[in-house]
Amino acid sequence: RFCHLLLRLASGASCISMAPWDFLFDESTYKVGKNGVSPIQNMGAYLGGSAIQTVGDNPVTAYRQLVQQYAKNLAGETVSPAVAAAEANAVFYATPVTACMSGLWPRLIGVLFKRIPKFGVLLGYTFLTGHDEPGYAAATAASILSAPFINPVRMIEKQQRAFLKQTGVEKPIMEILRESSAKWFAPLFRGTIPLMGHSFASAILGLVGQPKLQKYIQAELGKSGQFGGSATNLVASAIVSPIYVVVTNPLSRLEVIMQTNSIKGKSINVFEAIRELGADMAKFGLSGIFRGQGIGIFKAIISLTLFHEGRLFITRQFKAYNVRTGRIPAPA
């Protein structure tokens, strides 16, 4: 029902006395705006871009988690980044397909559970404030309000690959849910606080900053006629990604620490995770706190590029459809 409310907001429809799915029959949901697409088409483009990104970057996402997770060995001792990377490599060499595909299904399912609340708030706030494109206030609202929906999916995803080194197989989703149900599903919300910061940085830099930067780059480089939309998208992603990773890498580490220990065991709170991160930095310096930084930058470039390329491609198809059906005039 909350997701339904967000779509109502994105379409500008009233939220008073509404049946669960009446927004689907509301004219404003399908009304084409100044950007050439309707709110429901815009949401579809964002979700489609997310699905494309999720499939494309999953192997890199899995590898980065293992590099960060193996900061501690099975005896609980903090090891060097080189040793942790070697452990992650060993898992990928032993079970390459399983490792690359690990966590993919919860991530794909999460495109709906995670992205509808996030994009719903982002686009709904943008519409209510009278803007055509999402701004920083919309990104802030989206990062905070969507966190409770995103966190359980991220927790399940990380738990699926958390024990690959010991078992060589993914942990089944139903087993994760059964273990969580014994504690009233509270473990699914481990790591929510660092996620809010992570999600905020992601929304500010990825959903708002990257498109603005791409438009600027396209205006400057496009004058030569040698750079198309895809090239400027890649350049913008390459510029934004290092900033994004530097900001979010410590937060990502906190999430991994809090979400990869056994659900049956005692949870690690955010202060304990910060202390563990501090001990890592004290022992190995900045390389300790920024484990997975290089692969994180690579992942961010892939993720942002795939997401925006997918989103823009789907948006263009919707615009072309609207032209063919006479909902908007053909471009001159």
C-alpha atoms as a PDB file:
ATOM      1  CA  ARG A   1       0.000   0.000   0.000  1.00  0.00           C
ATOM      2  CA  PHE A   2       2.893   2.357   0.725  1.00  0.00           C
ATOM      3  CA  CYS A   3       4.326   1.722  -2.762  1.00  0.00           C
ATOM      4  CA  HIS A   4       0.886   2.408  -4.195  1.00  0.00           C
ATOM      5  CA  LEU A   5       0.798   5.722  -2.291  1.00  0.00           C
ATOM      6  CA  LEU A   6       4.177   6.689  -3.730  1.00  0.00           C
ATOM      7  CA  LEU A   7       2.976   6.059  -7.262  1.00  0.00           C
ATOM      8  CA  ARG A   8      -0.075   8.184  -6.490  1.00  0.00           C
ATOM      9  CA  LEU A   9       2.220  10.999  -5.385  1.00  0.00           C
ATOM     10  CA  ALA A  10       4.379  10.603  -8.489  1.00  0.00           C
ATOM     11  CA  SER A  11       1.308  10.956 -10.657  1.00  0.00           C
ATOM     12  CA  GLY A  12      -0.048  13.915  -8.689  1.00  0.00           C
ATOM     13  CA  ALA A  13      -3.274  12.129  -7.785  1.00  0.00           C
ATOM     14  CA  SER A  14      -5.135  12.627  -4.526  1.00  0.00           C
ATOM     15  CA  CYS A  15      -4.340  10.201  -1.706  1.00  0.00           C
ATOM     16  CA  ILE A  16      -7.705  10.598   0.032  1.00  0.00           C
ATOM     17  CA  SER A  17     -10.263   7.757   0.016  1.00  0.00           C
ATOM     18  CA  MET A  18      -8.302   5.560  -2.346  1.00  0.00           C
ATOM     19  CA  ALA A  19      -8.712   1.872  -2.995  1.00  0.00           C
ATOM     20  CA  PRO A  20      -5.482  -0.189  -3.059  1.00  0.00           C
ATOM     21  CA  TRP A  21      -5.039  -0.127  -6.856  1.00  0.00           C
ATOM     22  CA  ASP A  22      -7.257   2.744  -7.977  1.00  0.00           C
ATOM     23  CA  PHE A  23      -4.214   4.750  -9.094  1.00  0.00           C
ATOM     24  CA  LEU A  24      -3.971   2.337 -12.055  1.00  0.00           C
ATOM     25  CA  PHE A  25      -7.262   3.728 -13.321  1.00  0.00           C
ATOM     26  CA  ASP A  26      -6.462   7.369 -12.615  1.00  0.00           C
ATOM     27  CA  GLU A  27      -5.979   9.486 -15.728  1.00  0.00           C
ATOM     28  CA  SER A  28      -3.111  11.493 -14.202  1.00  0.00           C
ATOM     29  CA  THR A  29      -1.012   8.329 -13.841  1.00  0.00           C
ATOM     30  CA  TYR A  30      -0.892   8.037 -17.640  1.00  0.00           C
ATOM     31  CA  LYS A  31      -0.842  11.732 -18.541  1.00  0.00           C
ATOM     32  CA  VAL A  32       2.278  12.581 -20.535  1.00  0.00           C
ATOM     33  CA  GLY A  33       4.252  15.416 -18.940  1.00  0.00           C
ATOM     34  CA  LYS A  34       6.671  18.019 -20.269  1.00  0.00           C
ATOM     35  CA  ASN A  35       9.459  15.421 -20.259  1.00  0.00           C
ATOM     36  CA  GLY A  36       7.604  13.409 -22.932  1.00  0.00           C
ATOM     37  CA  VAL A  37       6.582  10.459 -20.723  1.00  0.00           C
ATOM     38  CA  SER A  38       3.886   9.762 -18.158  1.00  0.00           C
ATOM     39  CA  PRO A  39       4.620   9.118 -14.456  1.00  0.00           C
ATOM     40  CA  ILE A  40       3.973   5.384 -14.871  1.00  0.00           C
ATOM     41  CA  GLN A  41       6.295   5.270 -17.907  1.00  0.00           C
ATOM     42  CA  ASN A  42       8.965   7.202 -16.019  1.00  0.00           C
ATOM     43  CA  MET A  43       8.749   4.735 -13.124  1.00  0.00           C
ATOM     44  CA  GLY A  44       8.959   1.844 -15.606  1.00  0.00           C
ATOM     45  CA  ALA A  45      12.112   3.309 -17.155  1.00  0.00           C
ATOM     46  CA  TYR A  46      13.774   3.640 -13.744  1.00  0.00           C
ATOM     47  CA  LEU A  47      12.822   0.074 -12.779  1.00  0.00           C
ATOM     48  CA  GLY A  48      13.976  -1.306 -16.142  1.00  0.00           C
ATOM     49  CA  GLY A  49      17.309   0.483 -15.824  1.00  0.00           C
ATOM     50  CA  SER A  50      17.716  -0.973 -12.344  1.00  0.00           C
ATOM     51  CA  ALA A  51      17.042  -4.517 -13.556  1.00  0.00           C
ATOM     52  CA  ILE A  52      19.648  -4.157 -16.329  1.00  0.00           C
ATOM     53  CA  GLN A  53      22.168  -2.758 -13.846  1.00  0.00           C
ATOM     54  CA  THR A  54      21.479  -5.522 -11.314  1.00  0.00           C
ATOM     55  CA  VAL A  55      22.198  -8.342 -13.760  1.00  0.00           C
ATOM     56  CA  GLY A  56      25.248  -6.644 -15.221  1.00  0.00           C
ATOM     57  CA  ASP A  57      27.056  -5.720 -12.017  1.00  0.00           C
ATOM     58  CA  ASN A  58      26.227  -8.754  -9.850  1.00  0.00           C
ATOM     59  CA  PRO A  59      29.598 -10.571 -10.253  1.00  0.00           C
ATOM     60  CA  VAL A  60      31.476  -7.417  -9.255  1.00  0.00           C
ATOM     61  CA  THR A  61      29.083  -6.819  -6.338  1.00  0.00           C
ATOM     62  CA  ALA A  62      29.647 -10.364  -5.068  1.00  0.00           C
ATOM     63  CA  TYR A  63      33.427 -10.100  -5.362  1.00  0.00           C
ATOM     64  CA  ARG A  64      33.542  -6.783  -3.527  1.00  0.00           C
ATOM     65  CA  GLN A  65      31.496  -8.156  -0.627  1.00  0.00           C
ATOM     66  CA  LEU A  66      33.851 -11.112  -0.225  1.00  0.00           C
ATOM     67  CA  VAL A  67      36.941  -8.875  -0.310  1.00  0.00           C
ATOM     68  CA  GLN A  68      35.425  -6.803   2.500  1.00  0.00           C
ATOM     69  CA  GLN A  69      33.939  -9.731   4.433  1.00  0.00           C
ATOM     70  CA  TYR A  70      37.207 -11.681   4.510  1.00  0.00           C
ATOM     71  CA  ALA A  71      38.900  -8.851   6.410  1.00  0.00           C
ATOM     72  CA  LYS A  72      38.539 -11.387   9.243  1.00  0.00           C
ATOM     73  CA  ASN A  73      39.440 -15.040   8.886  1.00  0.00           C
ATOM     74  CA  LEU A  74      37.396 -17.915  10.304  1.00  0.00           C
ATOM     75  CA  ALA A  75      39.300 -17.589  13.595  1.00  0.00           C
ATOM     76  CA  GLY A  76      38.109 -13.976  13.937  1.00  0.00           C
ATOM     77  CA  GLU A  77      41.538 -12.459  13.292  1.00  0.00           C
ATOM     78  CA  THR A  78      41.914  -9.365  11.098  1.00  0.00           C
ATOM     79  CA  VAL A  79      44.042 -10.154   8.040  1.00  0.00           C
ATOM     80  CA  SER A  80      45.746  -7.946   5.467  1.00  0.00           C
ATOM     81  CA  PRO A  81      43.828  -6.711   2.380  1.00  0.00           C
ATOM     82  CA  ALA A  82      46.068  -8.903   0.194  1.00  0.00           C
ATOM     83  CA  VAL A  83      45.134 -12.041   2.154  1.00  0.00           C
ATOM     84  CA  ALA A  84      41.432 -11.121   2.048  1.00  0.00           C
ATOM     85  CA  ALA A  85      41.608 -10.607  -1.729  1.00  0.00           C
ATOM     86  CA  ALA A  86      43.344 -13.977  -2.120  1.00  0.00           C
ATOM     87  CA  GLU A  87      40.541 -15.650  -0.131  1.00  0.00           C
ATOM     88  CA  ALA A  88      37.912 -14.007  -2.360  1.00  0.00           C
ATOM     89  CA  ASN A  89      39.811 -15.114  -5.465  1.00  0.00           C
ATOM     90  CA  ALA A  90      39.928 -18.687  -4.144  1.00  0.00           C
ATOM     91  CA  VAL A  91      36.144 -18.742  -3.735  1.00  0.00           C
ATOM     92  CA  PHE A  92      35.614 -17.450  -7.277  1.00  0.00           C
ATOM     93  CA  TYR A  93      38.097 -19.950  -8.732  1.00  0.00           C
ATOM     94  CA  ALA A  94      36.475 -22.848  -6.840  1.00  0.00           C
ATOM     95  CA  THR A  95      32.846 -22.011  -7.739  1.00  0.00           C
ATOM     96  CA  PRO A  96      32.859 -19.274 -10.416  1.00  0.00           C
ATOM     97  CA  VAL A  97      29.243 -19.584 -11.561  1.00  0.00           C
ATOM     98  CA  THR A  98      27.823 -19.856  -8.044  1.00  0.00           C
ATOM     99  CA  ALA A  99      29.918 -16.929  -6.839  1.00  0.00           C
ATOM    100  CA  CYS A 100      29.028 -14.708  -9.808  1.00  0.00           C
ATOM    101  CA  MET A 101      25.295 -15.472  -9.527  1.00  0.00           C
ATOM    102  CA  SER A 102      25.134 -15.375  -5.724  1.00  0.00           C
ATOM    103  CA  GLY A 103      22.540 -12.963  -4.398  1.00  0.00           C
ATOM    104  CA  LEU A 104      21.148 -12.221  -7.863  1.00  0.00           C
ATOM    105  CA  TRP A 105      17.575 -13.409  -7.252  1.00  0.00           C
ATOM    106  CA  PRO A 106      17.015 -11.326  -4.101  1.00  0.00           C
ATOM    107  CA  ARG A 107      18.565  -8.367  -5.914  1.00  0.00           C
ATOM    108  CA  LEU A 108      16.224  -8.803  -8.901  1.00  0.00           C
ATOM    109  CA  ILE A 109      13.212  -9.221  -6.625  1.00  0.00           C
ATOM    110  CA  GLY A 110      14.545  -6.216  -4.758  1.00  0.00           C
ATOM    111  CA  VAL A 111      14.216  -4.107  -7.904  1.00  0.00           C
ATOM    112  CA  LEU A 112      10.528  -3.934  -6.929  1.00  0.00           C
ATOM    113  CA  PHE A 113      10.842  -4.007  -3.123  1.00  0.00           C
ATOM    114  CA  LYS A 114      13.768  -1.574  -3.108  1.00  0.00           C
ATOM    115  CA  ARG A 115      13.320   0.618  -6.129  1.00  0.00           C
ATOM    116  CA  ILE A 116       9.585   1.350  -6.055  1.00  0.00           C
ATOM    117  CA  PRO A 117       9.816   3.013  -2.607  1.00  0.00           C
ATOM    118  CA  LYS A 118      13.081   4.790  -3.488  1.00  0.00           C
ATOM    119  CA  PHE A 119      12.071   5.972  -6.948  1.00  0.00           C
ATOM    120  CA  GLY A 120       8.496   6.569  -5.784  1.00  0.00           C
ATOM    121  CA  VAL A 121       9.651   9.021  -3.117  1.00  0.00           C
ATOM    122  CA  LEU A 122      12.235  10.536  -5.472  1.00  0.00           C
ATOM    123  CA  LEU A 123       9.789  11.110  -8.329  1.00  0.00           C
ATOM    124  CA  GLY A 124       6.820  11.860  -6.055  1.00  0.00           C
ATOM    125  CA  TYR A 125       8.735  14.553  -4.164  1.00  0.00           C
ATOM    126  CA  THR A 126       9.968  15.968  -7.479  1.00  0.00           C
ATOM    127  CA  PHE A 127       6.403  16.192  -8.807  1.00  0.00           C
ATOM    128  CA  LEU A 128       4.976  17.724  -5.632  1.00  0.00           C
ATOM    129  CA  THR A 129       7.643  20.435  -5.592  1.00  0.00           C
ATOM    130  CA  GLY A 130       6.934  21.315  -9.222  1.00  0.00           C
ATOM    131  CA  HIS A 131      10.272  20.243 -10.715  1.00  0.00           C
ATOM    132  CA  ASP A 132      10.891  18.268 -13.906  1.00  0.00           C
ATOM    133  CA  GLU A 133      14.069  16.530 -12.670  1.00  0.00           C
ATOM    134  CA  PRO A 134      14.916  15.135  -9.190  1.00  0.00           C
ATOM    135  CA  GLY A 135      16.918  17.460  -6.939  1.00  0.00           C
ATOM    136  CA  TYR A 136      18.945  17.056  -3.762  1.00  0.00           C
ATOM    137  CA  ALA A 137      15.969  17.449  -1.405  1.00  0.00           C
ATOM    138  CA  ALA A 138      14.149  14.657  -3.243  1.00  0.00           C
ATOM    139  CA  ALA A 139      17.275  12.473  -2.970  1.00  0.00           C
ATOM    140  CA  THR A 140      17.442  13.099   0.787  1.00  0.00           C
ATOM    141  CA  ALA A 141      13.789  12.136   1.293  1.00  0.00           C
ATOM    142  CA  ALA A 142      14.192   9.027  -0.879  1.00  0.00           C
ATOM    143  CA  SER A 143      17.287   7.798   0.997  1.00  0.00           C
ATOM    144  CA  ILE A 144      15.660   8.058   4.433  1.00  0.00           C
ATOM    145  CA  LEU A 145      12.130   6.845   3.686  1.00  0.00           C
ATOM    146  CA  SER A 146      13.165   3.916   1.489  1.00  0.00           C
ATOM    147  CA  ALA A 147      15.770   2.422   3.877  1.00  0.00           C
ATOM    148  CA  PRO A 148      13.356   0.115   5.794  1.00  0.00           C
ATOM    149  CA  PHE A 149      12.273  -1.433   2.473  1.00  0.00           C
ATOM    150  CA  ILE A 150      15.773  -1.772   1.035  1.00  0.00           C
ATOM    151  CA  ASN A 151      17.583  -3.200   4.055  1.00  0.00           C
ATOM    152  CA  PRO A 152      15.894  -6.647   4.282  1.00  0.00           C
ATOM    153  CA  VAL A 153      16.726  -7.312   0.612  1.00  0.00           C
ATOM    154  CA  ARG A 154      20.374  -6.306   1.094  1.00  0.00           C
ATOM    155  CA  MET A 155      20.586  -8.450   4.235  1.00  0.00           C
ATOM    156  CA  ILE A 156      19.245 -11.531   2.417  1.00  0.00           C
ATOM    157  CA  GLU A 157      21.569 -10.877  -0.544  1.00  0.00           C
ATOM    158  CA  LYS A 158      24.656 -10.704   1.706  1.00  0.00           C
ATOM    159  CA  GLN A 159      23.595 -13.718   3.780  1.00  0.00           C
ATOM    160  CA  GLN A 160      23.245 -15.789   0.605  1.00  0.00           C
ATOM    161  CA  ARG A 161      26.953 -15.425  -0.188  1.00  0.00           C
ATOM    162  CA  ALA A 162      28.257 -14.984   3.383  1.00  0.00           C
ATOM    163  CA  PHE A 163      29.189 -18.652   3.802  1.00  0.00           C
ATOM    164  CA  LEU A 164      30.442 -19.527   0.317  1.00  0.00           C
ATOM    165  CA  LYS A 165      33.943 -20.194   1.647  1.00  0.00           C
ATOM    166  CA  GLN A 166      32.690 -22.784   4.148  1.00  0.00           C
ATOM    167  CA  THR A 167      29.978 -24.490   2.059  1.00  0.00           C
ATOM    168  CA  GLY A 168      30.674 -23.643  -1.600  1.00  0.00           C
ATOM    169  CA  VAL A 169      26.954 -22.979  -2.181  1.00  0.00           C
ATOM    170  CA  GLU A 170      24.507 -20.127  -1.661  1.00  0.00           C
ATOM    171  CA  LYS A 171      22.503 -20.084   1.527  1.00  0.00           C
ATOM    172  CA  PRO A 172      18.842 -20.663   0.528  1.00  0.00           C
ATOM    173  CA  ILE A 173      16.509 -17.697   0.894  1.00  0.00           C
ATOM    174  CA  MET A 174      13.927 -19.734   2.813  1.00  0.00           C
ATOM    175  CA  GLU A 175      16.558 -20.803   5.331  1.00  0.00           C
ATOM    176  CA  ILE A 176      17.506 -17.156   5.883  1.00  0.00           C
ATOM    177  CA  LEU A 177      13.846 -16.246   6.393  1.00  0.00           C
ATOM    178  CA  ARG A 178      13.283 -19.173   8.802  1.00  0.00           C
ATOM    179  CA  GLU A 179      16.270 -18.154  10.921  1.00  0.00           C
ATOM    180  CA  SER A 180      15.054 -14.544  10.910  1.00  0.00           C
ATOM    181  CA  SER A 181      11.510 -15.521  11.854  1.00  0.00           C
ATOM    182  CA  ALA A 182      12.831 -17.094  15.066  1.00  0.00           C
ATOM    183  CA  LYS A 183      13.831 -13.552  16.087  1.00  0.00           C
ATOM    184  CA  TRP A 184      10.665 -11.863  14.772  1.00  0.00           C
ATOM    185  CA  PHE A 185      12.545 -10.896  11.558  1.00  0.00           C
ATOM    186  CA  ALA A 186      14.603  -8.285  13.430  1.00  0.00           C
ATOM    187  CA  PRO A 187      17.886  -9.551  11.838  1.00  0.00           C
ATOM    188  CA  LEU A 188      16.612  -8.399   8.433  1.00  0.00           C
ATOM    189  CA  PHE A 189      17.038  -4.812   9.632  1.00  0.00           C
ATOM    190  CA  ARG A 190      20.673  -5.096  10.666  1.00  0.00           C
ATOM    191  CA  GLY A 191      22.720  -2.331   9.068  1.00  0.00           C
ATOM    192  CA  THR A 192      19.820   0.086   8.442  1.00  0.00           C
ATOM    193  CA  ILE A 193      21.674   3.103   9.866  1.00  0.00           C
ATOM    194  CA  PRO A 194      24.762   2.883   7.616  1.00  0.00           C
ATOM    195  CA  LEU A 195      22.413   2.029   4.726  1.00  0.00           C
ATOM    196  CA  MET A 196      20.671   5.403   5.117  1.00  0.00           C
ATOM    197  CA  GLY A 197      24.010   7.161   4.647  1.00  0.00           C
ATOM    198  CA  HIS A 198      24.905   4.856   1.761  1.00  0.00           C
ATOM    199  CA  SER A 199      21.531   5.388   0.110  1.00  0.00           C
ATOM    200  CA  PHE A 200      21.796   9.161   0.574  1.00  0.00           C
ATOM    201  CA  ALA A 201      25.172   9.282  -1.161  1.00  0.00           C
ATOM    202  CA  SER A 202      23.868   6.984  -3.895  1.00  0.00           C
ATOM    203  CA  ALA A 203      20.838   9.191  -4.531  1.00  0.00           C
ATOM    204  CA  ILE A 204      22.773  12.482  -4.393  1.00  0.00           C
ATOM    205  CA  LEU A 205      25.645  11.374  -6.629  1.00  0.00           C
ATOM    206  CA  GLY A 206      24.094   8.626  -8.759  1.00  0.00           C
ATOM    207  CA  LEU A 207      20.470   9.613  -9.352  1.00  0.00           C
ATOM    208  CA  VAL A 208      20.872  13.408  -9.251  1.00  0.00           C
ATOM    209  CA  GLY A 209      24.530  14.332  -9.726  1.00  0.00           C
ATOM    210  CA  GLN A 210      25.381  11.983 -12.591  1.00  0.00           C
ATOM    211  CA  PRO A 211      22.524  13.073 -14.916  1.00  0.00           C
ATOM    212  CA  LYS A 212      23.296  16.760 -14.240  1.00  0.00           C
ATOM    213  CA  LEU A 213      26.978  16.176 -14.935  1.00  0.00           C
ATOM    214  CA  GLN A 214      26.181  14.185 -18.077  1.00  0.00           C
ATOM    215  CA  LYS A 215      24.073  17.043 -19.443  1.00  0.00           C
ATOM    216  CA  TYR A 216      26.945  19.460 -18.810  1.00  0.00           C
ATOM    217  CA  ILE A 217      29.492  17.130 -20.440  1.00  0.00           C
ATOM    218  CA  GLN A 218      27.171  16.502 -23.373  1.00  0.00           C
ATOM    219  CA  ALA A 219      26.774  20.260 -23.857  1.00  0.00           C
ATOM    220  CA  GLU A 220      30.546  20.797 -23.798  1.00  0.00           C
ATOM    221  CA  LEU A 221      31.871  17.709 -25.580  1.00  0.00           C
ATOM    222  CA  GLY A 222      28.865  17.401 -27.848  1.00  0.00           C
ATOM    223  CA  LYS A 223      29.875  20.595 -29.625  1.00  0.00           C
ATOM    224  CA  SER A 224      32.552  18.642 -31.460  1.00  0.00           C
ATOM    225  CA  GLY A 225      30.015  16.079 -32.627  1.00  0.00           C
ATOM    226  CA  GLN A 226      32.389  13.245 -31.656  1.00  0.00           C
ATOM    227  CA  PHE A 227      30.664  12.248 -28.408  1.00  0.00           C
ATOM    228  CA  GLY A 228      27.198  10.742 -28.286  1.00  0.00           C
ATOM    229  CA  GLY A 229      24.916  10.084 -25.322  1.00  0.00           C
ATOM    230  CA  SER A 230      26.543   6.772 -24.386  1.00  0.00           C
ATOM    231  CA  ALA A 231      30.059   8.245 -24.416  1.00  0.00           C
ATOM    232  CA  THR A 232      29.103  11.219 -22.246  1.00  0.00           C
ATOM    233  CA  ASN A 233      27.215   8.852 -19.913  1.00  0.00           C
ATOM    234  CA  LEU A 234      30.396   6.802 -19.461  1.00  0.00           C
ATOM    235  CA  VAL A 235      32.519   9.925 -18.883  1.00  0.00           C
ATOM    236  CA  ALA A 236      30.066  11.281 -16.307  1.00  0.00           C
ATOM    237  CA  SER A 237      29.947   7.916 -14.519  1.00  0.00           C
ATOM    238  CA  ALA A 238      33.755   7.726 -14.479  1.00  0.00           C
ATOM    239  CA  ILE A 239      33.940  11.175 -12.850  1.00  0.00           C
ATOM    240  CA  VAL A 240      31.200  10.583 -10.265  1.00  0.00           C
ATOM    241  CA  SER A 241      32.190   7.012  -9.351  1.00  0.00           C
ATOM    242  CA  PRO A 242      35.488   7.683  -7.466  1.00  0.00           C
ATOM    243  CA  ILE A 243      33.765  10.369  -5.374  1.00  0.00           C
ATOM    244  CA  TYR A 244      30.856   8.036  -4.665  1.00  0.00           C
ATOM    245  CA  VAL A 245      33.107   5.139  -3.648  1.00  0.00           C
ATOM    246  CA  VAL A 246      35.317   7.252  -1.357  1.00  0.00           C
ATOM    247  CA  VAL A 247      32.174   8.489   0.427  1.00  0.00           C
ATOM    248  CA  THR A 248      30.370   5.142   0.628  1.00  0.00           C
ATOM    249  CA  ASN A 249      33.169   2.576   1.045  1.00  0.00           C
ATOM    250  CA  PRO A 250      33.382   2.912   4.871  1.00  0.00           C
ATOM    251  CA  LEU A 251      29.572   2.729   5.040  1.00  0.00           C
ATOM    252  CA  SER A 252      29.622  -0.358   2.833  1.00  0.00           C
ATOM    253  CA  ARG A 253      32.161  -1.921   5.211  1.00  0.00           C
ATOM    254  CA  LEU A 254      29.854  -1.255   8.165  1.00  0.00           C
ATOM    255  CA  GLU A 255      26.961  -2.920   6.323  1.00  0.00           C
ATOM    256  CA  VAL A 256      29.063  -5.990   5.504  1.00  0.00           C
ATOM    257  CA  ILE A 257      30.270  -6.315   9.118  1.00  0.00           C
ATOM    258  CA  MET A 258      26.726  -6.056  10.483  1.00  0.00           C
ATOM    259  CA  GLN A 259      24.984  -8.215   7.865  1.00  0.00           C
ATOM    260  CA  THR A 260      27.332 -11.162   7.279  1.00  0.00           C
ATOM    261  CA  ASN A 261      27.610 -12.622  10.769  1.00  0.00           C
ATOM    262  CA  SER A 262      25.338 -15.552  11.622  1.00  0.00           C
ATOM    263  CA  ILE A 263      21.657 -14.687  12.054  1.00  0.00           C
ATOM    264  CA  LYS A 264      21.508 -17.252  14.873  1.00  0.00           C
ATOM    265  CA  GLY A 265      24.326 -15.506  16.720  1.00  0.00           C
ATOM    266  CA  LYS A 266      24.476 -12.149  18.490  1.00  0.00           C
ATOM    267  CA  SER A 267      23.979  -9.149  16.228  1.00  0.00           C
ATOM    268  CA  ILE A 268      26.715  -6.549  15.770  1.00  0.00           C
ATOM    269  CA  ASN A 269      25.470  -3.017  16.424  1.00  0.00           C
ATOM    270  CA  VAL A 270      26.718   0.041  14.576  1.00  0.00           C
ATOM    271  CA  PHE A 271      29.109   1.103  17.380  1.00  0.00           C
ATOM    272  CA  GLU A 272      30.716  -2.337  17.495  1.00  0.00           C
ATOM    273  CA  ALA A 273      31.054  -2.259  13.697  1.00  0.00           C
ATOM    274  CA  ILE A 274      32.725   1.175  13.877  1.00  0.00           C
ATOM    275  CA  ARG A 275      35.167  -0.132  16.503  1.00  0.00           C
ATOM    276  CA  GLU A 276      35.987  -3.100  14.258  1.00  0.00           C
ATOM    277  CA  LEU A 277      36.576  -0.715  11.359  1.00  0.00           C
ATOM    278  CA  GLY A 278      38.795   1.438  13.591  1.00  0.00           C
ATOM    279  CA  ALA A 279      40.856  -1.594  14.618  1.00  0.00           C
ATOM    280  CA  ASP A 280      41.305  -2.513  10.947  1.00  0.00           C
ATOM    281  CA  MET A 281      42.539   0.995  10.162  1.00  0.00           C
ATOM    282  CA  ALA A 282      44.868   0.995  13.187  1.00  0.00           C
ATOM    283  CA  LYS A 283      46.453  -2.244  11.978  1.00  0.00           C
ATOM    284  CA  PHE A 284      46.573  -1.669   8.216  1.00  0.00           C
ATOM    285  CA  GLY A 285      46.132   2.100   7.807  1.00  0.00           C
ATOM    286  CA  LEU A 286      43.890   3.542   5.097  1.00  0.00           C
ATOM    287  CA  SER A 287      44.112   0.313   3.110  1.00  0.00           C
ATOM    288  CA  GLY A 288      42.266  -1.323   6.005  1.00  0.00           C
ATOM    289  CA  ILE A 289      39.311   1.061   6.028  1.00  0.00           C
ATOM    290  CA  PHE A 290      39.151   1.278   2.225  1.00  0.00           C
ATOM    291  CA  ARG A 291      39.172  -2.457   1.427  1.00  0.00           C
ATOM    292  CA  GLY A 292      37.491  -3.038  -1.920  1.00  0.00           C
ATOM    293  CA  GLN A 293      38.012   0.584  -3.014  1.00  0.00           C
ATOM    294  CA  GLY A 294      39.408  -0.218  -6.454  1.00  0.00           C
ATOM    295  CA  ILE A 295      36.792  -2.847  -7.277  1.00  0.00           C
ATOM    296  CA  GLY A 296      34.196  -0.455  -5.841  1.00  0.00           C
ATOM    297  CA  ILE A 297      35.127   2.264  -8.337  1.00  0.00           C
ATOM    298  CA  PHE A 298      34.999  -0.273 -11.168  1.00  0.00           C
ATOM    299  CA  LYS A 299      31.598  -1.487  -9.942  1.00  0.00           C
ATOM    300  CA  ALA A 300      30.244   2.054  -9.612  1.00  0.00           C
ATOM    301  CA  ILE A 301      31.236   2.937 -13.183  1.00  0.00           C
ATOM    302  CA  ILE A 302      29.572  -0.233 -14.501  1.00  0.00           C
ATOM    303  CA  SER A 303      26.483   0.232 -12.328  1.00  0.00           C
ATOM    304  CA  LEU A 304      25.883   3.900 -13.105  1.00  0.00           C
ATOM    305  CA  THR A 305      26.533   3.447 -16.815  1.00  0.00           C
ATOM    306  CA  LEU A 306      24.254   0.393 -17.129  1.00  0.00           C
ATOM    307  CA  PHE A 307      21.499   2.013 -15.061  1.00  0.00           C
ATOM    308  CA  HIS A 308      21.396   5.299 -16.948  1.00  0.00           C
ATOM    309  CA  GLU A 309      21.896   3.685 -20.369  1.00  0.00           C
ATOM    310  CA  GLY A 310      19.038   1.280 -19.611  1.00  0.00           C
ATOM    311  CA  ARG A 311      16.823   4.034 -18.187  1.00  0.00           C
ATOM    312  CA  LEU A 312      17.438   6.388 -21.111  1.00  0.00           C
ATOM    313  CA  PHE A 313      16.924   3.599 -23.686  1.00  0.00           C
ATOM    314  CA  ILE A 314      13.564   2.635 -22.167  1.00  0.00           C
ATOM    315  CA  THR A 315      12.563   6.303 -21.878  1.00  0.00           C
ATOM    316  CA  ARG A 316      13.316   6.810 -25.571  1.00  0.00           C
ATOM    317  CA  GLN A 317      11.116   3.819 -26.427  1.00  0.00           C
ATOM    318  CA  PHE A 318       8.263   5.285 -24.372  1.00  0.00           C
ATOM    319  CA  LYS A 319       8.683   8.681 -26.048  1.00  0.00           C
ATOM    320  CA  ALA A 320       8.674   7.058 -29.497  1.00  0.00           C
ATOM    321  CA  TYR A 321       5.508   5.166 -28.524  1.00  0.00           C
ATOM    322  CA  ASN A 322       3.875   8.398 -27.371  1.00  0.00           C
ATOM    323  CA  VAL A 323       4.756  10.036 -30.708  1.00  0.00           C
ATOM    324  CA  ARG A 324       3.359   7.085 -32.694  1.00  0.00           C
ATOM    325  CA  THR A 325       0.104   7.147 -30.752  1.00  0.00           C
ATOM    326  CA  GLY A 326      -0.258  10.915 -31.055  1.00  0.00           C
ATOM    327  CA  ARG A 327       0.076  11.617 -27.344  1.00  0.00           C
ATOM    328  CA  ILE A 328       2.909  14.063 -28.014  1.00  0.00           C
ATOM    329  CA  PRO A 329       3.938  15.854 -31.242  1.00  0.00           C
ATOM    330  CA  ALA A 330       6.820  14.475 -33.275  1.00  0.00           C
ATOM    331  CA  PRO A 331      10.111  16.322 -32.696  1.00  0.00           C
ATOM    332  CA  ALA A 332      10.982  18.879 -35.330  1.00  0.00           C
END
